[in-house]
Amino acid sequence: MKSVVAVVQRDDADGLLDALRQNNFQATMTSSTGGFLREGNATIFIGIEDERVDQVLAVIKENCTTRTQFVNPMPPVMEPGELYLAQPVEVQVGGATVFVLAVERFEKF
């Protein structure tokens, strides 16, 4: 038994959950925030048999693609009266960070 924990961008989460359901994977999602952009993420927890890990990873990879986006960087700490004009920066967003963990014990009540 394995526990798959996938941290994905919030925009990808609903599509991923739908795809997981269509492939008969049960998942639980929690909202999270973090990373460079401080934008919304979703952490998705999936309990899966060892032999199905590659299948669930394929579904995640198919539904969580990377893309580029322009964002305004955080302004630096400035003295009163200084002027700061932020230039948008192109960054890569999306994709998934996935952890596959061994499960010592599993029970469902």
C-alpha atoms as a PDB file:
ATOM      1  CA  MET A   1       0.000   0.000   0.000  1.00  0.00           C
ATOM      2  CA  LYS A   2       1.214   3.504  -0.819  1.00  0.00           C
ATOM      3  CA  SER A   3       0.139   7.012   0.041  1.00  0.00           C
ATOM      4  CA  VAL A   4       0.483   9.455  -2.840  1.00  0.00           C
ATOM      5  CA  VAL A   5       0.553  13.122  -1.845  1.00  0.00           C
ATOM      6  CA  ALA A   6       0.339  15.559  -4.767  1.00  0.00           C
ATOM      7  CA  VAL A   7       0.692  19.329  -4.345  1.00  0.00           C
ATOM      8  CA  VAL A   8      -0.838  21.001  -7.408  1.00  0.00           C
ATOM      9  CA  GLN A   9      -1.867  24.491  -8.442  1.00  0.00           C
ATOM     10  CA  ARG A  10      -5.454  25.258  -7.433  1.00  0.00           C
ATOM     11  CA  ASP A  11      -6.421  25.782 -11.092  1.00  0.00           C
ATOM     12  CA  ASP A  12      -5.507  22.142 -11.843  1.00  0.00           C
ATOM     13  CA  ALA A  13      -7.128  20.546  -8.795  1.00  0.00           C
ATOM     14  CA  ASP A  14     -10.745  20.144  -9.969  1.00  0.00           C
ATOM     15  CA  GLY A  15      -9.748  18.601 -13.297  1.00  0.00           C
ATOM     16  CA  LEU A  16      -7.352  16.254 -11.550  1.00  0.00           C
ATOM     17  CA  LEU A  17      -9.989  15.143  -9.030  1.00  0.00           C
ATOM     18  CA  ASP A  18     -12.443  14.449 -11.876  1.00  0.00           C
ATOM     19  CA  ALA A  19      -9.816  12.413 -13.754  1.00  0.00           C
ATOM     20  CA  LEU A  20      -8.945  10.455 -10.608  1.00  0.00           C
ATOM     21  CA  ARG A  21     -12.633   9.617 -10.040  1.00  0.00           C
ATOM     22  CA  GLN A  22     -13.046   8.527 -13.679  1.00  0.00           C
ATOM     23  CA  ASN A  23     -10.121   6.138 -13.190  1.00  0.00           C
ATOM     24  CA  ASN A  24     -11.573   4.739  -9.932  1.00  0.00           C
ATOM     25  CA  PHE A  25      -9.071   6.394  -7.592  1.00  0.00           C
ATOM     26  CA  GLN A  26     -10.354   7.785  -4.298  1.00  0.00           C
ATOM     27  CA  ALA A  27      -8.772  11.051  -3.205  1.00  0.00           C
ATOM     28  CA  THR A  28      -9.059  13.714  -0.524  1.00  0.00           C
ATOM     29  CA  MET A  29      -8.146  17.347  -1.200  1.00  0.00           C
ATOM     30  CA  THR A  30      -7.134  20.092   1.197  1.00  0.00           C
ATOM     31  CA  SER A  31      -6.412  23.694   0.286  1.00  0.00           C
ATOM     32  CA  SER A  32      -2.892  24.957   0.867  1.00  0.00           C
ATOM     33  CA  THR A  33      -0.809  28.027   0.115  1.00  0.00           C
ATOM     34  CA  GLY A  34       2.864  28.428  -0.469  1.00  0.00           C
ATOM     35  CA  GLY A  35       5.687  28.536  -2.895  1.00  0.00           C
ATOM     36  CA  PHE A  36       7.275  31.433  -4.707  1.00  0.00           C
ATOM     37  CA  LEU A  37       4.004  33.021  -5.860  1.00  0.00           C
ATOM     38  CA  ARG A  38       2.126  32.577  -2.550  1.00  0.00           C
ATOM     39  CA  GLU A  39      -0.911  31.503  -4.553  1.00  0.00           C
ATOM     40  CA  GLY A  40      -3.481  28.828  -3.807  1.00  0.00           C
ATOM     41  CA  ASN A  41      -2.487  25.212  -4.075  1.00  0.00           C
ATOM     42  CA  ALA A  42      -4.306  21.983  -3.410  1.00  0.00           C
ATOM     43  CA  THR A  43      -2.791  19.021  -1.623  1.00  0.00           C
ATOM     44  CA  ILE A  44      -4.369  15.784  -2.798  1.00  0.00           C
ATOM     45  CA  PHE A  45      -4.033  12.571  -0.777  1.00  0.00           C
ATOM     46  CA  ILE A  46      -4.506   9.213  -2.506  1.00  0.00           C
ATOM     47  CA  GLY A  47      -4.265   5.777  -0.896  1.00  0.00           C
ATOM     48  CA  ILE A  48      -3.385   3.190  -3.526  1.00  0.00           C
ATOM     49  CA  GLU A  49      -2.193  -0.385  -3.956  1.00  0.00           C
ATOM     50  CA  ASP A  50       1.484  -0.739  -4.903  1.00  0.00           C
ATOM     51  CA  GLU A  51       0.717  -2.067  -8.396  1.00  0.00           C
ATOM     52  CA  ARG A  52      -1.441   0.986  -9.283  1.00  0.00           C
ATOM     53  CA  VAL A  53       1.085   3.704  -8.370  1.00  0.00           C
ATOM     54  CA  ASP A  54       2.264   4.157 -11.963  1.00  0.00           C
ATOM     55  CA  GLN A  55      -1.358   4.542 -13.126  1.00  0.00           C
ATOM     56  CA  VAL A  56      -2.134   7.278 -10.603  1.00  0.00           C
ATOM     57  CA  LEU A  57       1.124   9.085 -11.430  1.00  0.00           C
ATOM     58  CA  ALA A  58       0.173   9.037 -15.125  1.00  0.00           C
ATOM     59  CA  VAL A  59      -3.223  10.619 -14.335  1.00  0.00           C
ATOM     60  CA  ILE A  60      -1.532  13.335 -12.268  1.00  0.00           C
ATOM     61  CA  LYS A  61       1.039  14.044 -14.981  1.00  0.00           C
ATOM     62  CA  GLU A  62      -1.656  14.218 -17.666  1.00  0.00           C
ATOM     63  CA  ASN A  63      -3.795  16.711 -15.718  1.00  0.00           C
ATOM     64  CA  CYS A  64      -1.191  18.978 -14.116  1.00  0.00           C
ATOM     65  CA  THR A  65       0.852  20.527 -16.881  1.00  0.00           C
ATOM     66  CA  THR A  66       3.273  23.413 -16.522  1.00  0.00           C
ATOM     67  CA  ARG A  67       2.668  26.735 -18.246  1.00  0.00           C
ATOM     68  CA  THR A  68       4.074  30.255 -18.126  1.00  0.00           C
ATOM     69  CA  GLN A  69       2.391  33.218 -16.472  1.00  0.00           C
ATOM     70  CA  PHE A  70       3.323  36.863 -15.918  1.00  0.00           C
ATOM     71  CA  VAL A  71       3.291  38.049 -12.301  1.00  0.00           C
ATOM     72  CA  ASN A  72       4.217  41.279 -10.567  1.00  0.00           C
ATOM     73  CA  PRO A  73       7.049  40.708  -8.089  1.00  0.00           C
ATOM     74  CA  MET A  74       6.739  41.816  -4.480  1.00  0.00           C
ATOM     75  CA  PRO A  75       8.037  45.389  -4.067  1.00  0.00           C
ATOM     76  CA  PRO A  76      11.216  45.798  -2.057  1.00  0.00           C
ATOM     77  CA  VAL A  77      11.188  47.571   1.306  1.00  0.00           C
ATOM     78  CA  MET A  78      11.412  51.226   0.394  1.00  0.00           C
ATOM     79  CA  GLU A  79      11.888  54.540   2.115  1.00  0.00           C
ATOM     80  CA  PRO A  80       9.007  57.048   2.071  1.00  0.00           C
ATOM     81  CA  GLY A  81       8.997  59.050  -1.146  1.00  0.00           C
ATOM     82  CA  GLU A  82      10.770  56.412  -3.263  1.00  0.00           C
ATOM     83  CA  LEU A  83       9.043  55.255  -6.437  1.00  0.00           C
ATOM     84  CA  TYR A  84       9.045  51.593  -7.468  1.00  0.00           C
ATOM     85  CA  LEU A  85       7.542  50.454 -10.767  1.00  0.00           C
ATOM     86  CA  ALA A  86       7.304  46.678 -10.835  1.00  0.00           C
ATOM     87  CA  GLN A  87       7.903  44.997 -14.156  1.00  0.00           C
ATOM     88  CA  PRO A  88       5.946  41.773 -14.692  1.00  0.00           C
ATOM     89  CA  VAL A  89       8.116  38.681 -14.558  1.00  0.00           C
ATOM     90  CA  GLU A  90       7.445  35.528 -16.564  1.00  0.00           C
ATOM     91  CA  VAL A  91       7.412  32.419 -14.355  1.00  0.00           C
ATOM     92  CA  GLN A  92       6.556  28.782 -14.825  1.00  0.00           C
ATOM     93  CA  VAL A  93       3.439  27.609 -12.921  1.00  0.00           C
ATOM     94  CA  GLY A  94       1.457  24.407 -12.694  1.00  0.00           C
ATOM     95  CA  GLY A  95       2.726  20.881 -12.690  1.00  0.00           C
ATOM     96  CA  ALA A  96       2.748  18.804  -9.543  1.00  0.00           C
ATOM     97  CA  THR A  97       5.059  17.935  -6.697  1.00  0.00           C
ATOM     98  CA  VAL A  98       4.357  14.320  -5.787  1.00  0.00           C
ATOM     99  CA  PHE A  99       5.450  12.227  -2.815  1.00  0.00           C
ATOM    100  CA  VAL A 100       4.959   8.444  -2.782  1.00  0.00           C
ATOM    101  CA  LEU A 101       5.126   7.071   0.748  1.00  0.00           C
ATOM    102  CA  ALA A 102       4.999   3.533   2.078  1.00  0.00           C
ATOM    103  CA  VAL A 103       1.962   2.808   4.254  1.00  0.00           C
ATOM    104  CA  GLU A 104       2.651   0.638   7.260  1.00  0.00           C
ATOM    105  CA  ARG A 105      -1.021   0.097   8.108  1.00  0.00           C
ATOM    106  CA  PHE A 106      -4.318   0.888   6.390  1.00  0.00           C
ATOM    107  CA  GLU A 107      -7.820   0.644   7.852  1.00  0.00           C
ATOM    108  CA  LYS A 108     -11.119   1.888   6.521  1.00  0.00           C
ATOM    109  CA  PHE A 109     -14.078   2.218   8.881  1.00  0.00           C
END
